[in-house]
C-alpha atoms as a PDB file:
ATOM      1  CA  MET A   1     136.254 151.453  55.773  1.00  0.00           C
ATOM      2  CA  LEU A   2     139.389 150.485  57.268  1.00  0.00           C
ATOM      3  CA  ARG A   3     139.555 153.606  59.545  1.00  0.00           C
ATOM      4  CA  ALA A   4     135.813 152.701  60.944  1.00  0.00           C
ATOM      5  CA  ALA A   5     137.110 149.058  61.362  1.00  0.00           C
ATOM      6  CA  ALA A   6     140.331 150.181  63.309  1.00  0.00           C
ATOM      7  CA  ARG A   7     138.054 152.909  65.478  1.00  0.00           C
ATOM      8  CA  ARG A   8     135.832 149.731  66.131  1.00  0.00           C
ATOM      9  CA  ILE A   9     138.682 147.407  67.474  1.00  0.00           C
ATOM     10  CA  VAL A  10     140.273 150.230  69.442  1.00  0.00           C
ATOM     11  CA  VAL A  11     136.877 151.084  71.084  1.00  0.00           C
ATOM     12  CA  LEU A  12     136.403 147.339  71.931  1.00  0.00           C
ATOM     13  CA  LEU A  13     139.851 146.972  73.282  1.00  0.00           C
ATOM     14  CA  VAL A  14     139.711 149.978  75.364  1.00  0.00           C
ATOM     15  CA  GLY A  15     136.392 149.135  76.589  1.00  0.00           C
ATOM     16  CA  LEU A  16     137.226 145.449  77.647  1.00  0.00           C
ATOM     17  CA  ILE A  17     140.316 146.588  79.314  1.00  0.00           C
ATOM     18  CA  ALA A  18     138.873 149.505  81.133  1.00  0.00           C
ATOM     19  CA  ALA A  19     135.850 147.242  82.572  1.00  0.00           C
ATOM     20  CA  THR A  20     138.658 144.221  83.342  1.00  0.00           C
ATOM     21  CA  ALA A  21     140.623 146.760  85.176  1.00  0.00           C
ATOM     22  CA  VAL A  22     137.738 148.473  87.236  1.00  0.00           C
ATOM     23  CA  VAL A  23     136.373 144.805  88.299  1.00  0.00           C
ATOM     24  CA  SER A  24     139.817 143.520  88.998  1.00  0.00           C
ATOM     25  CA  LEU A  25     140.826 146.424  91.106  1.00  0.00           C
ATOM     26  CA  ALA A  26     137.378 146.199  93.164  1.00  0.00           C
ATOM     27  CA  LEU A  27     137.948 142.352  93.590  1.00  0.00           C
ATOM     28  CA  GLY A  28     141.617 142.941  94.464  1.00  0.00           C
ATOM     29  CA  ALA A  29     140.548 145.599  97.124  1.00  0.00           C
ATOM     30  CA  VAL A  30     138.094 143.150  98.780  1.00  0.00           C
ATOM     31  CA  ALA A  31     140.877 140.512  98.736  1.00  0.00           C
ATOM     32  CA  GLY A  32     143.532 142.730  99.969  1.00  0.00           C
ATOM     33  CA  ALA A  33     145.649 142.190  97.020  1.00  0.00           C
ATOM     34  CA  SER A  34     148.109 144.777  95.337  1.00  0.00           C
ATOM     35  CA  VAL A  35     147.376 146.675  92.358  1.00  0.00           C
ATOM     36  CA  ASP A  36     149.410 145.116  89.876  1.00  0.00           C
ATOM     37  CA  ARG A  37     148.729 141.817  91.158  1.00  0.00           C
ATOM     38  CA  SER A  38     144.707 142.166  90.760  1.00  0.00           C
ATOM     39  CA  LEU A  39     145.316 143.849  87.164  1.00  0.00           C
ATOM     40  CA  SER A  40     147.459 141.068  86.143  1.00  0.00           C
ATOM     41  CA  LEU A  41     145.076 138.291  87.430  1.00  0.00           C
ATOM     42  CA  GLY A  42     142.216 139.939  85.870  1.00  0.00           C
ATOM     43  CA  PHE A  43     144.000 140.395  82.574  1.00  0.00           C
ATOM     44  CA  TYR A  44     144.697 136.546  82.688  1.00  0.00           C
ATOM     45  CA  ILE A  45     141.348 135.550  83.343  1.00  0.00           C
ATOM     46  CA  VAL A  46     139.677 137.605  80.817  1.00  0.00           C
ATOM     47  CA  GLY A  47     142.257 136.470  78.060  1.00  0.00           C
ATOM     48  CA  SER A  48     142.283 133.155  78.768  1.00  0.00           C
ATOM     49  CA  PHE A  49     138.100 133.087  78.589  1.00  0.00           C
ATOM     50  CA  LEU A  50     138.448 134.980  75.287  1.00  0.00           C
ATOM     51  CA  LEU A  51     140.957 132.307  73.887  1.00  0.00           C
ATOM     52  CA  ILE A  52     138.837 129.399  74.993  1.00  0.00           C
ATOM     53  CA  GLY A  53     135.692 131.270  73.546  1.00  0.00           C
ATOM     54  CA  GLY A  54     137.508 131.673  70.226  1.00  0.00           C
ATOM     55  CA  PHE A  55     138.488 128.049  70.039  1.00  0.00           C
ATOM     56  CA  PHE A  56     134.857 126.959  70.664  1.00  0.00           C
ATOM     57  CA  VAL A  57     133.289 129.626  68.039  1.00  0.00           C
ATOM     58  CA  GLY A  58     135.751 128.582  65.583  1.00  0.00           C
ATOM     59  CA  ASN A  59     135.091 124.746  66.249  1.00  0.00           C
ATOM     60  CA  ARG A  60     131.244 124.731  65.568  1.00  0.00           C
ATOM     61  CA  GLY A  61     130.497 122.056  63.482  1.00  0.00           C
ATOM     62  CA  PRO A  62     129.051 122.276  59.722  1.00  0.00           C
ATOM     63  CA  LEU A  63     125.349 121.647  60.606  1.00  0.00           C
ATOM     64  CA  ARG A  64     122.630 124.156  61.921  1.00  0.00           C
ATOM     65  CA  SER A  65     119.157 123.489  63.529  1.00  0.00           C
ATOM     66  CA  ILE A  66     116.312 124.365  61.405  1.00  0.00           C
ATOM     67  CA  GLY A  67     113.821 126.865  62.431  1.00  0.00           C
ATOM     68  CA  ASP A  68     113.457 129.322  65.426  1.00  0.00           C
ATOM     69  CA  GLN A  69     114.926 127.660  68.461  1.00  0.00           C
ATOM     70  CA  GLY A  70     113.900 130.463  70.953  1.00  0.00           C
ATOM     71  CA  LEU A  71     114.997 130.307  74.807  1.00  0.00           C
ATOM     72  CA  PHE A  72     114.101 126.679  74.833  1.00  0.00           C
ATOM     73  CA  GLY A  73     115.123 125.285  71.616  1.00  0.00           C
ATOM     74  CA  PHE A  74     116.517 122.233  72.462  1.00  0.00           C
ATOM     75  CA  TRP A  75     113.531 120.618  73.045  1.00  0.00           C
ATOM     76  CA  GLY A  76     111.723 120.079  69.744  1.00  0.00           C
ATOM     77  CA  ARG A  77     114.266 120.295  67.337  1.00  0.00           C
ATOM     78  CA  LYS A  78     113.106 120.141  63.747  1.00  0.00           C
ATOM     79  CA  GLY A  79     116.133 119.009  61.796  1.00  0.00           C
ATOM     80  CA  VAL A  80     119.385 120.221  60.766  1.00  0.00           C
ATOM     81  CA  ARG A  81     120.753 121.697  57.747  1.00  0.00           C
ATOM     82  CA  PRO A  82     124.353 122.433  56.516  1.00  0.00           C
ATOM     83  CA  ALA A  83     125.939 125.639  57.211  1.00  0.00           C
ATOM     84  CA  SER A  84     126.023 128.309  54.277  1.00  0.00           C
ATOM     85  CA  SER A  85     129.371 129.644  53.473  1.00  0.00           C
ATOM     86  CA  THR A  86     128.538 132.941  54.896  1.00  0.00           C
ATOM     87  CA  GLU A  87     127.940 131.466  58.428  1.00  0.00           C
ATOM     88  CA  ARG A  88     131.239 129.618  58.085  1.00  0.00           C
ATOM     89  CA  ARG A  89     133.043 132.663  57.293  1.00  0.00           C
ATOM     90  CA  GLU A  90     131.505 134.882  59.751  1.00  0.00           C
ATOM     91  CA  GLU A  91     132.269 132.263  62.577  1.00  0.00           C
ATOM     92  CA  MET A  92     135.849 131.950  61.513  1.00  0.00           C
ATOM     93  CA  ASN A  93     136.224 135.686  61.489  1.00  0.00           C
ATOM     94  CA  ALA A  94     134.518 135.934  65.048  1.00  0.00           C
ATOM     95  CA  SER A  95     137.059 133.268  66.075  1.00  0.00           C
ATOM     96  CA  VAL A  96     139.943 135.130  64.960  1.00  0.00           C
ATOM     97  CA  VAL A  97     138.882 138.216  66.753  1.00  0.00           C
ATOM     98  CA  TYR A  98     138.443 136.435  69.985  1.00  0.00           C
ATOM     99  CA  ILE A  99     141.799 134.919  69.599  1.00  0.00           C
ATOM    100  CA  LEU A 100     143.810 138.000  68.842  1.00  0.00           C
ATOM    101  CA  VAL A 101     141.817 139.994  71.605  1.00  0.00           C
ATOM    102  CA  GLY A 102     142.451 137.521  73.866  1.00  0.00           C
ATOM    103  CA  LEU A 103     145.988 137.353  73.232  1.00  0.00           C
ATOM    104  CA  PHE A 104     146.536 141.258  73.233  1.00  0.00           C
ATOM    105  CA  VAL A 105     144.771 140.916  76.972  1.00  0.00           C
ATOM    106  CA  LEU A 106     147.200 138.022  78.068  1.00  0.00           C
ATOM    107  CA  VAL A 107     150.238 140.074  76.804  1.00  0.00           C
ATOM    108  CA  LEU A 108     148.952 143.105  78.855  1.00  0.00           C
ATOM    109  CA  GLY A 109     148.665 141.016  81.660  1.00  0.00           C
ATOM    110  CA  ILE A 110     152.271 139.914  81.394  1.00  0.00           C
ATOM    111  CA  VAL A 111     153.327 143.473  80.773  1.00  0.00           C
ATOM    112  CA  VAL A 112     151.421 144.733  84.261  1.00  0.00           C
ATOM    113  CA  ASP A 113     152.773 141.649  86.395  1.00  0.00           C
ATOM    114  CA  ASN A 114     155.701 142.496  88.380  1.00  0.00           C
ATOM    115  CA  ARG A 115     156.898 138.958  88.904  1.00  0.00           C
ATOM    116  CA  VAL A 116     157.677 138.836  85.146  1.00  0.00           C
ATOM    117  CA  ARG A 117     160.700 140.517  83.814  1.00  0.00           C
ATOM    118  CA  LEU A 118     160.366 141.332  80.181  1.00  0.00           C
ATOM    119  CA  TYR A 119     164.026 142.768  79.594  1.00  0.00           C
END
């Protein structure tokens, strides 16, 4: 089970880093920026969004809406219910994953950035 989980997190990280690198390099080429600057800015931006997303996922309130909400569910809500312990646990686990992956991508941006000296 741990081996499968490790494989999934590695696939997630590699896919996220590869997609960020491709988009960053493409936008950097259009803007005329250097490769390391393009990569570092892309990693900074993606890492920051993941940290912010993890914060908001983890700070969701203890109440959930009742019924199928659909695409335009904010019109005509039918009430609220307390979140189950399973929902709260999954919410906190997702928040931890977002924050850890965001921190990893931010650190990768620091490593790639030539303006930062790590030694």
